[in-house]
């Protein structure tokens, strides 16, 4: 394991010390956990930004946009068909107006 030395402003140093006491851990453990959390969050943010950019590029292509709409329509239709089938199996007429 490598060592890292850094300077902290007094207020952050105090907060780090207080957190270490509350957690019952060393300052190094708390700092390591904070660094890991920060790095994971930044990696996730970059990944999500890449996904959004890729989606924007893909959706600007009319053929891909049309295919995405067809897939969405199929999913909705399949979902509705499943609900209607479940209602019929339960003895419910899906065409009956229940709000009368």
N, C-alpha and C. Protein backbone atom coordinates (compact mmCIF):
# COMPACT_ATOMS: atom_id res chain seq x y z
N UNK A 1 0.86 -1.17 0.00
CA UNK A 1 0.00 0.00 0.00
C UNK A 1 0.90 1.22 0.00
N UNK A 2 0.57 2.17 -0.86
CA UNK A 2 1.39 3.38 -0.92
C UNK A 2 0.89 4.41 0.08
N UNK A 3 1.76 5.33 0.40
CA UNK A 3 1.42 6.39 1.35
C UNK A 3 1.15 7.68 0.58
N UNK A 4 0.27 8.49 1.14
CA UNK A 4 -0.07 9.78 0.55
C UNK A 4 -0.01 10.82 1.64
N UNK A 5 0.63 11.91 1.34
CA UNK A 5 0.69 13.00 2.29
C UNK A 5 0.00 14.20 1.67
N UNK A 6 -0.89 14.83 2.42
CA UNK A 6 -1.54 16.01 1.89
C UNK A 6 -1.81 17.00 3.01
N UNK A 7 -1.92 18.23 2.62
CA UNK A 7 -2.20 19.29 3.58
C UNK A 7 -3.70 19.57 3.56
N UNK A 8 -4.26 19.67 4.74
CA UNK A 8 -5.69 19.96 4.88
C UNK A 8 -5.87 21.28 5.62
N UNK A 9 -6.81 22.08 5.19
CA UNK A 9 -7.14 23.26 5.98
C UNK A 9 -7.61 22.82 7.37
N UNK A 10 -7.42 23.67 8.34
CA UNK A 10 -7.74 23.31 9.73
C UNK A 10 -9.18 22.85 9.90
N UNK A 11 -10.12 23.51 9.23
CA UNK A 11 -11.53 23.14 9.41
C UNK A 11 -11.81 21.74 8.86
N UNK A 12 -11.20 21.37 7.75
CA UNK A 12 -11.41 20.02 7.20
C UNK A 12 -10.71 18.99 8.07
N UNK A 13 -9.53 19.34 8.57
CA UNK A 13 -8.80 18.44 9.46
C UNK A 13 -9.63 18.15 10.72
N UNK A 14 -10.25 19.18 11.26
CA UNK A 14 -11.09 19.00 12.44
C UNK A 14 -12.29 18.12 12.13
N UNK A 15 -12.92 18.35 11.00
CA UNK A 15 -14.07 17.51 10.61
C UNK A 15 -13.66 16.07 10.41
N UNK A 16 -12.49 15.85 9.80
CA UNK A 16 -11.98 14.50 9.60
C UNK A 16 -11.75 13.82 10.95
N UNK A 17 -11.15 14.53 11.87
CA UNK A 17 -10.90 13.98 13.20
C UNK A 17 -12.21 13.64 13.90
N UNK A 18 -13.18 14.55 13.82
CA UNK A 18 -14.48 14.31 14.47
C UNK A 18 -15.17 13.09 13.86
N UNK A 19 -15.12 12.97 12.56
CA UNK A 19 -15.75 11.82 11.89
C UNK A 19 -15.06 10.52 12.29
N UNK A 20 -13.76 10.54 12.38
CA UNK A 20 -13.01 9.35 12.78
C UNK A 20 -13.43 8.91 14.19
N UNK A 21 -13.59 9.87 15.09
CA UNK A 21 -14.01 9.55 16.46
C UNK A 21 -15.42 8.97 16.45
N UNK A 22 -16.34 9.61 15.73
CA UNK A 22 -17.72 9.13 15.66
C UNK A 22 -17.78 7.72 15.08
N UNK A 23 -16.99 7.48 14.04
CA UNK A 23 -17.00 6.17 13.38
C UNK A 23 -16.18 5.12 14.13
N UNK A 24 -15.34 5.58 15.02
CA UNK A 24 -14.47 4.63 15.73
C UNK A 24 -13.42 4.05 14.81
N UNK A 25 -12.99 4.87 13.87
CA UNK A 25 -11.99 4.44 12.88
C UNK A 25 -10.85 5.45 12.87
N UNK A 26 -9.78 5.08 12.23
CA UNK A 26 -8.66 6.02 12.13
C UNK A 26 -8.96 7.08 11.09
N UNK A 27 -8.24 8.17 11.18
CA UNK A 27 -8.39 9.24 10.19
C UNK A 27 -8.07 8.71 8.79
N UNK A 28 -7.07 7.85 8.70
CA UNK A 28 -6.69 7.28 7.40
C UNK A 28 -7.82 6.44 6.81
N UNK A 29 -8.48 5.65 7.66
CA UNK A 29 -9.60 4.83 7.17
C UNK A 29 -10.73 5.70 6.65
N UNK A 30 -11.05 6.75 7.39
CA UNK A 30 -12.13 7.65 6.97
C UNK A 30 -11.74 8.35 5.67
N UNK A 31 -10.50 8.81 5.58
CA UNK A 31 -10.03 9.48 4.36
C UNK A 31 -10.04 8.53 3.18
N UNK A 32 -9.59 7.28 3.38
CA UNK A 32 -9.61 6.29 2.30
C UNK A 32 -11.03 6.05 1.81
N UNK A 33 -11.97 5.88 2.74
CA UNK A 33 -13.36 5.64 2.37
C UNK A 33 -13.92 6.83 1.58
N UNK A 34 -13.58 8.04 2.01
CA UNK A 34 -14.06 9.23 1.31
C UNK A 34 -13.49 9.31 -0.09
N UNK A 35 -12.22 8.97 -0.24
CA UNK A 35 -11.59 9.00 -1.57
C UNK A 35 -12.22 7.95 -2.48
N UNK A 36 -12.44 6.75 -1.96
CA UNK A 36 -13.08 5.69 -2.75
C UNK A 36 -14.47 6.12 -3.19
N UNK A 37 -15.25 6.68 -2.27
CA UNK A 37 -16.59 7.14 -2.60
C UNK A 37 -16.55 8.21 -3.68
N UNK A 38 -15.63 9.15 -3.54
CA UNK A 38 -15.49 10.22 -4.54
C UNK A 38 -15.14 9.64 -5.90
N UNK A 39 -14.16 8.74 -5.96
CA UNK A 39 -13.73 8.17 -7.24
C UNK A 39 -14.86 7.37 -7.89
N UNK A 40 -15.58 6.59 -7.10
CA UNK A 40 -16.69 5.82 -7.65
C UNK A 40 -17.78 6.74 -8.21
N UNK A 41 -18.08 7.82 -7.48
CA UNK A 41 -19.10 8.77 -7.94
C UNK A 41 -18.67 9.43 -9.24
N UNK A 42 -17.41 9.83 -9.33
CA UNK A 42 -16.92 10.49 -10.55
C UNK A 42 -16.94 9.52 -11.73
N UNK A 43 -16.55 8.27 -11.51
CA UNK A 43 -16.59 7.27 -12.58
C UNK A 43 -18.01 7.07 -13.07
N UNK A 44 -18.95 7.00 -12.13
CA UNK A 44 -20.36 6.82 -12.50
C UNK A 44 -20.86 8.04 -13.27
N UNK A 45 -20.50 9.23 -12.82
CA UNK A 45 -20.92 10.45 -13.52
C UNK A 45 -20.38 10.48 -14.95
N UNK A 46 -19.12 10.10 -15.12
CA UNK A 46 -18.54 10.07 -16.48
C UNK A 46 -19.24 9.02 -17.34
N UNK A 47 -19.50 7.85 -16.76
CA UNK A 47 -20.19 6.80 -17.50
C UNK A 47 -21.58 7.26 -17.94
N UNK A 48 -22.31 7.88 -17.01
CA UNK A 48 -23.65 8.36 -17.35
C UNK A 48 -23.60 9.45 -18.41
N UNK A 49 -22.62 10.34 -18.33
CA UNK A 49 -22.48 11.39 -19.35
C UNK A 49 -22.20 10.77 -20.72
N UNK A 50 -21.37 9.73 -20.75
CA UNK A 50 -21.09 9.04 -22.01
C UNK A 50 -22.35 8.38 -22.55
N UNK A 51 -23.14 7.77 -21.67
CA UNK A 51 -24.38 7.12 -22.10
C UNK A 51 -25.37 8.14 -22.67
N UNK A 52 -25.49 9.28 -22.01
CA UNK A 52 -26.39 10.33 -22.48
C UNK A 52 -25.93 10.84 -23.84
N UNK A 53 -24.64 11.07 -23.99
CA UNK A 53 -24.12 11.55 -25.27
C UNK A 53 -24.35 10.53 -26.38
N UNK A 54 -24.12 9.27 -26.09
CA UNK A 54 -24.35 8.21 -27.08
C UNK A 54 -25.83 8.16 -27.46
N UNK A 55 -26.70 8.28 -26.47
CA UNK A 55 -28.14 8.28 -26.75
C UNK A 55 -28.53 9.47 -27.62
N UNK A 56 -27.96 10.62 -27.32
CA UNK A 56 -28.26 11.81 -28.14
C UNK A 56 -27.80 11.62 -29.58
N UNK A 57 -26.59 11.08 -29.73
CA UNK A 57 -26.09 10.83 -31.09
C UNK A 57 -26.97 9.82 -31.81
N UNK A 58 -27.32 8.75 -31.13
CA UNK A 58 -28.13 7.71 -31.76
C UNK A 58 -29.52 8.24 -32.10
N UNK A 59 -30.10 9.00 -31.18
CA UNK A 59 -31.48 9.47 -31.39
C UNK A 59 -31.56 10.54 -32.46
N UNK A 60 -30.43 11.14 -32.80
CA UNK A 60 -30.44 12.12 -33.89
C UNK A 60 -30.48 11.42 -35.25
N UNK A 61 -30.28 10.11 -35.26
CA UNK A 61 -30.36 9.32 -36.48
C UNK A 61 -31.82 8.90 -36.67
N UNK A 62 -32.48 9.35 -37.77
CA UNK A 62 -33.91 9.06 -37.95
C UNK A 62 -34.23 7.57 -37.97
N UNK A 63 -33.37 6.75 -38.54
CA UNK A 63 -33.64 5.31 -38.60
C UNK A 63 -33.62 4.71 -37.20
N UNK A 64 -32.65 5.11 -36.39
CA UNK A 64 -32.57 4.59 -35.02
C UNK A 64 -33.75 5.10 -34.20
N UNK A 65 -34.13 6.36 -34.37
CA UNK A 65 -35.27 6.92 -33.65
C UNK A 65 -36.55 6.16 -34.01
N UNK A 66 -36.73 5.87 -35.29
CA UNK A 66 -37.92 5.13 -35.74
C UNK A 66 -37.93 3.72 -35.13
N UNK A 67 -36.78 3.06 -35.12
CA UNK A 67 -36.71 1.71 -34.55
C UNK A 67 -36.99 1.74 -33.04
N UNK A 68 -36.47 2.75 -32.35
CA UNK A 68 -36.72 2.87 -30.91
C UNK A 68 -38.21 3.05 -30.63
N UNK A 69 -38.87 3.84 -31.45
CA UNK A 69 -40.33 4.03 -31.27
C UNK A 69 -41.09 2.73 -31.53
N UNK A 70 -40.66 1.97 -32.54
CA UNK A 70 -41.32 0.69 -32.83
C UNK A 70 -41.14 -0.28 -31.67
N UNK A 71 -39.94 -0.32 -31.12
CA UNK A 71 -39.68 -1.20 -29.97
C UNK A 71 -40.54 -0.78 -28.79
N UNK A 72 -40.61 0.52 -28.53
CA UNK A 72 -41.42 1.01 -27.41
C UNK A 72 -42.89 0.68 -27.62
N UNK A 73 -43.37 0.85 -28.84
CA UNK A 73 -44.77 0.51 -29.13
C UNK A 73 -45.03 -0.97 -28.89
N UNK A 74 -44.10 -1.82 -29.32
CA UNK A 74 -44.25 -3.26 -29.11
C UNK A 74 -44.29 -3.60 -27.63
N UNK A 75 -43.43 -2.98 -26.84
CA UNK A 75 -43.39 -3.24 -25.41
C UNK A 75 -44.70 -2.82 -24.76
N UNK A 76 -45.21 -1.65 -25.12
CA UNK A 76 -46.47 -1.17 -24.56
C UNK A 76 -47.60 -2.10 -24.97
N UNK A 77 -47.65 -2.45 -26.26
CA UNK A 77 -48.71 -3.35 -26.73
C UNK A 77 -48.64 -4.70 -26.03
N UNK A 78 -47.44 -5.26 -25.88
CA UNK A 78 -47.28 -6.55 -25.21
C UNK A 78 -47.72 -6.45 -23.75
N UNK A 79 -47.38 -5.34 -23.11
CA UNK A 79 -47.77 -5.13 -21.72
C UNK A 79 -49.27 -5.03 -21.56
N UNK A 80 -49.90 -4.29 -22.46
CA UNK A 80 -51.36 -4.17 -22.41
C UNK A 80 -52.03 -5.50 -22.70
N UNK A 81 -51.49 -6.24 -23.66
CA UNK A 81 -52.05 -7.56 -23.97
C UNK A 81 -51.96 -8.47 -22.76
N UNK A 82 -50.87 -8.41 -22.02
CA UNK A 82 -50.70 -9.24 -20.83
C UNK A 82 -51.70 -8.85 -19.75
N UNK A 83 -51.93 -7.56 -19.58
CA UNK A 83 -52.90 -7.10 -18.58
C UNK A 83 -54.30 -7.57 -18.95
N UNK A 84 -54.67 -7.44 -20.21
CA UNK A 84 -56.00 -7.88 -20.67
C UNK A 84 -56.15 -9.38 -20.46
N UNK A 85 -55.12 -10.15 -20.79
CA UNK A 85 -55.17 -11.60 -20.61
C UNK A 85 -55.33 -11.94 -19.12
N UNK A 86 -54.61 -11.23 -18.25
CA UNK A 86 -54.72 -11.47 -16.80
C UNK A 86 -56.13 -11.16 -16.31
N UNK A 87 -56.70 -10.06 -16.82
CA UNK A 87 -58.06 -9.70 -16.40
C UNK A 87 -59.04 -10.77 -16.84
N UNK A 88 -58.91 -11.24 -18.06
CA UNK A 88 -59.83 -12.29 -18.54
C UNK A 88 -59.68 -13.56 -17.72
N UNK A 89 -58.44 -13.92 -17.39
CA UNK A 89 -58.20 -15.11 -16.56
C UNK A 89 -58.86 -14.95 -15.20
N UNK A 90 -58.88 -13.73 -14.68
CA UNK A 90 -59.49 -13.46 -13.37
C UNK A 90 -61.00 -13.28 -13.47
N UNK A 91 -61.56 -13.42 -14.66
CA UNK A 91 -63.00 -13.29 -14.83
C UNK A 91 -63.46 -11.86 -14.97
N UNK A 92 -62.58 -10.98 -15.32
CA UNK A 92 -62.92 -9.56 -15.49
C UNK A 92 -63.02 -9.28 -16.98
N UNK A 93 -64.06 -8.59 -17.37
CA UNK A 93 -64.21 -8.19 -18.77
C UNK A 93 -63.46 -6.87 -18.96
N UNK A 94 -62.34 -6.87 -19.66
CA UNK A 94 -61.56 -5.64 -19.81
C UNK A 94 -62.27 -4.56 -20.61
N UNK A 95 -63.31 -4.95 -21.35
CA UNK A 95 -64.05 -3.97 -22.14
C UNK A 95 -65.21 -3.35 -21.35
N UNK A 96 -65.50 -3.89 -20.18
CA UNK A 96 -66.60 -3.38 -19.36
C UNK A 96 -66.21 -2.03 -18.76
N UNK A 97 -67.12 -1.08 -18.85
CA UNK A 97 -66.87 0.24 -18.29
C UNK A 97 -67.16 0.21 -16.80
N UNK A 98 -66.14 0.26 -16.00
CA UNK A 98 -66.27 0.17 -14.56
C UNK A 98 -66.59 1.51 -13.92
N UNK A 99 -66.44 2.58 -14.63
CA UNK A 99 -66.60 3.90 -14.02
C UNK A 99 -68.03 4.42 -14.11
N UNK A 100 -68.96 3.65 -14.66
CA UNK A 100 -70.34 4.11 -14.79
C UNK A 100 -71.01 4.21 -13.45
